[in-house]
Amino acid sequence: MSHKTWEQGALFTSEFIADNSWNGYEHDVLYRNDSRGERFTDIAHVAGIDLDTDGRGLSYLDYDLDGDLDVVVVGHRQRAILLRNDIGQRQNWAAVDLKGTASNRFGVGARLVAKIGSNSITREVRAGGGFLSSYAGPVMFGLGAASKIDELTIRWPSGKVQTLKDVPGRQRVQAVEPQ
């Protein structure tokens, strides 16, 4: 029995996959939101994360617990790379750990709205994130020059709504779903 080659229409064969990537080394991208979600600029090169790897997945977390998000990149048949964000503590932040009681344990599906002065920031807690990537909280908010979140509203997957006032900046707090 003979097998078709990819030139003959096979979707994939061992000769095609071999030790190579299907898509090769492509330009890494990091988009900066320039103005309220209307325009984005690729800043990967200037940020120093346009890596010479065959990237497949990306996760972000506060690896060193300093309040800024660090990045882990996973490549095809390559070691994971940790990119630490060590720019410094120029701006304020708040981190919120969710603990579900009626909902799931980690609050997956919760929607958080932080009011900071006249601005609102919305975050949704999701499971997974993409191919070879995930994010496991806490929910991070950049506060800029503000020292606190004036009001944090959490809509839990159970439908319960919880409101916290004056959530302090530069620390991690836990929100437990009300009974």
C-alpha atoms as a PDB file:
ATOM      1  CA  MET A   1       0.000   0.000   0.000  1.00  0.00           C
ATOM      2  CA  SER A   2       1.497   3.339  -1.012  1.00  0.00           C
ATOM      3  CA  HIS A   3       0.875   6.620   0.754  1.00  0.00           C
ATOM      4  CA  LYS A   4       0.126   9.925  -0.943  1.00  0.00           C
ATOM      5  CA  THR A   5       2.717  12.639  -0.575  1.00  0.00           C
ATOM      6  CA  TRP A   6       1.703  16.182   0.277  1.00  0.00           C
ATOM      7  CA  GLU A   7       2.218  17.107  -3.384  1.00  0.00           C
ATOM      8  CA  GLN A   8      -0.449  14.508  -4.231  1.00  0.00           C
ATOM      9  CA  GLY A   9      -2.954  15.981  -1.832  1.00  0.00           C
ATOM     10  CA  ALA A  10      -2.252  14.312   1.496  1.00  0.00           C
ATOM     11  CA  LEU A  11      -3.002  16.659   4.385  1.00  0.00           C
ATOM     12  CA  PHE A  12       0.154  15.672   6.234  1.00  0.00           C
ATOM     13  CA  THR A  13       2.735  12.924   6.142  1.00  0.00           C
ATOM     14  CA  SER A  14       5.760  12.057   8.206  1.00  0.00           C
ATOM     15  CA  GLU A  15       8.005  13.335   5.388  1.00  0.00           C
ATOM     16  CA  PHE A  16       6.250  16.720   5.572  1.00  0.00           C
ATOM     17  CA  ILE A  17       6.191  17.047   9.359  1.00  0.00           C
ATOM     18  CA  ALA A  18       9.620  15.548  10.112  1.00  0.00           C
ATOM     19  CA  ASP A  19      11.514  17.798  12.538  1.00  0.00           C
ATOM     20  CA  ASN A  20      10.226  20.978  10.978  1.00  0.00           C
ATOM     21  CA  SER A  21       7.475  23.350  11.878  1.00  0.00           C
ATOM     22  CA  TRP A  22       4.455  23.559   9.598  1.00  0.00           C
ATOM     23  CA  ASN A  23       4.553  27.313   9.419  1.00  0.00           C
ATOM     24  CA  GLY A  24       8.215  28.145   9.950  1.00  0.00           C
ATOM     25  CA  TYR A  25       9.558  31.063  11.908  1.00  0.00           C
ATOM     26  CA  GLU A  26       7.121  33.932  11.730  1.00  0.00           C
ATOM     27  CA  HIS A  27       7.361  37.459  13.079  1.00  0.00           C
ATOM     28  CA  ASP A  28       6.206  37.670  16.707  1.00  0.00           C
ATOM     29  CA  VAL A  29       3.702  40.411  17.411  1.00  0.00           C
ATOM     30  CA  LEU A  30       2.772  42.448  20.468  1.00  0.00           C
ATOM     31  CA  TYR A  31       0.016  44.956  19.918  1.00  0.00           C
ATOM     32  CA  ARG A  32      -0.346  48.157  21.938  1.00  0.00           C
ATOM     33  CA  ASN A  33      -3.813  49.680  22.155  1.00  0.00           C
ATOM     34  CA  ASP A  34      -3.216  53.248  20.983  1.00  0.00           C
ATOM     35  CA  SER A  35      -6.641  54.735  21.585  1.00  0.00           C
ATOM     36  CA  ARG A  36      -9.653  53.060  23.134  1.00  0.00           C
ATOM     37  CA  GLY A  37      -9.447  49.935  20.986  1.00  0.00           C
ATOM     38  CA  GLU A  38      -9.657  51.856  17.719  1.00  0.00           C
ATOM     39  CA  ARG A  39      -6.029  51.426  16.653  1.00  0.00           C
ATOM     40  CA  PHE A  40      -3.237  48.993  17.508  1.00  0.00           C
ATOM     41  CA  THR A  41       0.498  49.188  16.811  1.00  0.00           C
ATOM     42  CA  ASP A  42       2.893  46.230  16.712  1.00  0.00           C
ATOM     43  CA  ILE A  43       5.614  47.009  19.270  1.00  0.00           C
ATOM     44  CA  ALA A  44       7.238  43.542  19.524  1.00  0.00           C
ATOM     45  CA  HIS A  45      10.585  44.680  18.134  1.00  0.00           C
ATOM     46  CA  VAL A  46      10.945  47.788  20.314  1.00  0.00           C
ATOM     47  CA  ALA A  47       9.738  45.848  23.387  1.00  0.00           C
ATOM     48  CA  GLY A  48      12.417  43.213  22.774  1.00  0.00           C
ATOM     49  CA  ILE A  49      10.101  40.244  22.387  1.00  0.00           C
ATOM     50  CA  ASP A  50      10.404  39.618  18.641  1.00  0.00           C
ATOM     51  CA  LEU A  51      12.254  36.377  19.331  1.00  0.00           C
ATOM     52  CA  ASP A  52      14.114  34.147  16.907  1.00  0.00           C
ATOM     53  CA  THR A  53      11.965  31.147  17.816  1.00  0.00           C
ATOM     54  CA  ASP A  54       9.119  29.183  16.315  1.00  0.00           C
ATOM     55  CA  GLY A  55       6.607  30.445  18.858  1.00  0.00           C
ATOM     56  CA  ARG A  56       3.434  28.441  19.423  1.00  0.00           C
ATOM     57  CA  GLY A  57       1.982  29.682  22.673  1.00  0.00           C
ATOM     58  CA  LEU A  58       2.147  32.611  25.034  1.00  0.00           C
ATOM     59  CA  SER A  59       1.046  33.046  28.620  1.00  0.00           C
ATOM     60  CA  TYR A  60       1.296  36.010  30.908  1.00  0.00           C
ATOM     61  CA  LEU A  61       1.578  36.060  34.675  1.00  0.00           C
ATOM     62  CA  ASP A  62       3.130  38.037  37.492  1.00  0.00           C
ATOM     63  CA  TYR A  63       6.047  35.604  37.814  1.00  0.00           C
ATOM     64  CA  ASP A  64       8.042  37.618  40.329  1.00  0.00           C
ATOM     65  CA  LEU A  65       5.000  39.001  42.246  1.00  0.00           C
ATOM     66  CA  ASP A  66       5.984  42.630  41.665  1.00  0.00           C
ATOM     67  CA  GLY A  67       2.678  43.752  40.131  1.00  0.00           C
ATOM     68  CA  ASP A  68       3.647  43.785  36.466  1.00  0.00           C
ATOM     69  CA  LEU A  69       2.904  41.067  33.941  1.00  0.00           C
ATOM     70  CA  ASP A  70       5.713  38.854  32.701  1.00  0.00           C
ATOM     71  CA  VAL A  71       5.467  36.678  29.569  1.00  0.00           C
ATOM     72  CA  VAL A  72       6.262  33.014  28.878  1.00  0.00           C
ATOM     73  CA  VAL A  73       6.708  31.952  25.237  1.00  0.00           C
ATOM     74  CA  VAL A  74       6.517  28.287  24.192  1.00  0.00           C
ATOM     75  CA  GLY A  75       8.099  27.248  20.890  1.00  0.00           C
ATOM     76  CA  HIS A  76       8.017  24.174  18.665  1.00  0.00           C
ATOM     77  CA  ARG A  77      10.591  21.719  20.048  1.00  0.00           C
ATOM     78  CA  GLN A  78      12.264  24.515  21.997  1.00  0.00           C
ATOM     79  CA  ARG A  79      12.573  25.432  25.645  1.00  0.00           C
ATOM     80  CA  ALA A  80      10.067  27.852  27.104  1.00  0.00           C
ATOM     81  CA  ILE A  81      11.365  31.404  27.458  1.00  0.00           C
ATOM     82  CA  LEU A  82      10.486  33.674  30.385  1.00  0.00           C
ATOM     83  CA  LEU A  83      10.457  37.372  29.549  1.00  0.00           C
ATOM     84  CA  ARG A  84      10.502  39.296  32.815  1.00  0.00           C
ATOM     85  CA  ASN A  85       9.009  42.755  32.878  1.00  0.00           C
ATOM     86  CA  ASP A  86      11.556  44.633  34.978  1.00  0.00           C
ATOM     87  CA  ILE A  87      10.761  48.153  33.840  1.00  0.00           C
ATOM     88  CA  GLY A  88       9.938  49.090  37.399  1.00  0.00           C
ATOM     89  CA  GLN A  89       7.062  50.286  39.500  1.00  0.00           C
ATOM     90  CA  ARG A  90       6.236  53.456  37.583  1.00  0.00           C
ATOM     91  CA  GLN A  91       2.477  52.967  37.761  1.00  0.00           C
ATOM     92  CA  ASN A  92       0.044  51.473  40.256  1.00  0.00           C
ATOM     93  CA  TRP A  93      -1.788  48.189  39.915  1.00  0.00           C
ATOM     94  CA  ALA A  94      -4.221  45.917  41.754  1.00  0.00           C
ATOM     95  CA  ALA A  95      -4.524  42.129  41.607  1.00  0.00           C
ATOM     96  CA  VAL A  96      -7.734  40.285  42.525  1.00  0.00           C
ATOM     97  CA  ASP A  97      -7.871  36.569  43.336  1.00  0.00           C
ATOM     98  CA  LEU A  98     -11.362  35.130  43.010  1.00  0.00           C
ATOM     99  CA  LYS A  99     -12.644  32.300  45.179  1.00  0.00           C
ATOM    100  CA  GLY A 100     -15.963  30.895  44.055  1.00  0.00           C
ATOM    101  CA  THR A 101     -18.359  29.247  46.499  1.00  0.00           C
ATOM    102  CA  ALA A 102     -21.608  28.787  44.545  1.00  0.00           C
ATOM    103  CA  SER A 103     -19.754  29.203  41.226  1.00  0.00           C
ATOM    104  CA  ASN A 104     -16.653  27.288  40.234  1.00  0.00           C
ATOM    105  CA  ARG A 105     -13.641  27.510  42.521  1.00  0.00           C
ATOM    106  CA  PHE A 106     -11.597  29.966  40.429  1.00  0.00           C
ATOM    107  CA  GLY A 107     -14.440  32.192  39.250  1.00  0.00           C
ATOM    108  CA  VAL A 108     -14.058  31.221  35.587  1.00  0.00           C
ATOM    109  CA  GLY A 109     -16.772  33.125  33.742  1.00  0.00           C
ATOM    110  CA  ALA A 110     -16.827  36.034  36.196  1.00  0.00           C
ATOM    111  CA  ARG A 111     -16.897  39.578  34.854  1.00  0.00           C
ATOM    112  CA  LEU A 112     -15.131  42.322  36.821  1.00  0.00           C
ATOM    113  CA  VAL A 113     -15.638  46.043  36.245  1.00  0.00           C
ATOM    114  CA  ALA A 114     -13.239  48.403  38.015  1.00  0.00           C
ATOM    115  CA  LYS A 115     -14.140  52.076  38.292  1.00  0.00           C
ATOM    116  CA  ILE A 116     -11.079  54.252  38.682  1.00  0.00           C
ATOM    117  CA  GLY A 117     -12.001  57.924  38.727  1.00  0.00           C
ATOM    118  CA  SER A 118     -14.058  58.518  35.578  1.00  0.00           C
ATOM    119  CA  ASN A 119     -12.645  55.437  33.809  1.00  0.00           C
ATOM    120  CA  SER A 120     -13.862  51.828  33.795  1.00  0.00           C
ATOM    121  CA  ILE A 121     -11.821  48.716  33.069  1.00  0.00           C
ATOM    122  CA  THR A 122     -13.550  45.393  32.369  1.00  0.00           C
ATOM    123  CA  ARG A 123     -11.949  41.966  32.773  1.00  0.00           C
ATOM    124  CA  GLU A 124     -13.428  38.507  32.243  1.00  0.00           C
ATOM    125  CA  VAL A 125     -12.023  35.369  33.848  1.00  0.00           C
ATOM    126  CA  ARG A 126     -11.462  32.659  31.253  1.00  0.00           C
ATOM    127  CA  ALA A 127     -10.041  29.162  31.237  1.00  0.00           C
ATOM    128  CA  GLY A 128      -7.460  28.314  28.617  1.00  0.00           C
ATOM    129  CA  GLY A 129      -6.222  30.935  26.247  1.00  0.00           C
ATOM    130  CA  GLY A 130      -4.977  29.375  23.060  1.00  0.00           C
ATOM    131  CA  PHE A 131      -2.755  26.690  21.638  1.00  0.00           C
ATOM    132  CA  LEU A 132      -0.127  25.718  24.229  1.00  0.00           C
ATOM    133  CA  SER A 133      -1.105  28.618  26.465  1.00  0.00           C
ATOM    134  CA  SER A 134      -3.240  29.487  29.444  1.00  0.00           C
ATOM    135  CA  TYR A 135      -3.609  32.052  32.207  1.00  0.00           C
ATOM    136  CA  ALA A 136      -4.301  31.249  35.837  1.00  0.00           C
ATOM    137  CA  GLY A 137      -5.005  34.606  37.476  1.00  0.00           C
ATOM    138  CA  PRO A 138      -5.098  36.741  39.506  1.00  0.00           C
ATOM    139  CA  VAL A 139      -7.121  39.323  37.603  1.00  0.00           C
ATOM    140  CA  MET A 140      -4.795  42.289  37.052  1.00  0.00           C
ATOM    141  CA  PHE A 141      -5.762  45.951  36.734  1.00  0.00           C
ATOM    142  CA  GLY A 142      -3.424  48.759  35.739  1.00  0.00           C
ATOM    143  CA  LEU A 143      -4.319  51.822  37.800  1.00  0.00           C
ATOM    144  CA  GLY A 144      -1.930  54.375  36.338  1.00  0.00           C
ATOM    145  CA  ALA A 145      -1.430  57.169  38.875  1.00  0.00           C
ATOM    146  CA  ALA A 146      -4.525  56.170  40.917  1.00  0.00           C
ATOM    147  CA  SER A 147      -3.800  54.569  44.292  1.00  0.00           C
ATOM    148  CA  LYS A 148      -6.961  52.413  44.426  1.00  0.00           C
ATOM    149  CA  ILE A 149      -9.949  51.026  42.574  1.00  0.00           C
ATOM    150  CA  ASP A 150     -12.855  53.220  43.654  1.00  0.00           C
ATOM    151  CA  GLU A 151     -15.439  50.511  43.017  1.00  0.00           C
ATOM    152  CA  LEU A 152     -15.030  46.913  41.840  1.00  0.00           C
ATOM    153  CA  THR A 153     -18.152  45.069  40.680  1.00  0.00           C
ATOM    154  CA  ILE A 154     -17.925  41.296  40.247  1.00  0.00           C
ATOM    155  CA  ARG A 155     -20.660  39.433  38.389  1.00  0.00           C
ATOM    156  CA  TRP A 156     -20.094  35.788  39.351  1.00  0.00           C
ATOM    157  CA  PRO A 157     -21.057  32.878  37.028  1.00  0.00           C
ATOM    158  CA  SER A 158     -23.832  31.978  39.512  1.00  0.00           C
ATOM    159  CA  GLY A 159     -25.456  35.362  38.766  1.00  0.00           C
ATOM    160  CA  LYS A 160     -24.542  36.865  42.133  1.00  0.00           C
ATOM    161  CA  VAL A 161     -23.221  40.425  42.029  1.00  0.00           C
ATOM    162  CA  GLN A 162     -20.675  41.679  44.535  1.00  0.00           C
ATOM    163  CA  THR A 163     -19.388  45.236  44.916  1.00  0.00           C
ATOM    164  CA  LEU A 164     -16.170  46.155  46.719  1.00  0.00           C
ATOM    165  CA  LYS A 165     -15.261  49.760  47.527  1.00  0.00           C
ATOM    166  CA  ASP A 166     -11.810  51.325  47.778  1.00  0.00           C
ATOM    167  CA  VAL A 167      -9.758  48.294  46.692  1.00  0.00           C
ATOM    168  CA  PRO A 168      -6.160  49.248  47.518  1.00  0.00           C
ATOM    169  CA  GLY A 169      -3.496  49.440  44.837  1.00  0.00           C
ATOM    170  CA  ARG A 170      -0.085  47.768  44.783  1.00  0.00           C
ATOM    171  CA  GLN A 171      -1.326  44.596  46.408  1.00  0.00           C
ATOM    172  CA  ARG A 172      -3.159  41.349  45.811  1.00  0.00           C
ATOM    173  CA  VAL A 173      -6.602  40.988  47.382  1.00  0.00           C
ATOM    174  CA  GLN A 174      -8.998  38.043  47.530  1.00  0.00           C
ATOM    175  CA  ALA A 175     -12.686  38.307  46.679  1.00  0.00           C
ATOM    176  CA  VAL A 176     -14.838  35.454  47.998  1.00  0.00           C
ATOM    177  CA  GLU A 177     -18.183  34.885  46.313  1.00  0.00           C
ATOM    178  CA  PRO A 178     -21.013  35.766  48.729  1.00  0.00           C
ATOM    179  CA  GLN A 179     -23.248  32.967  49.960  1.00  0.00           C
END
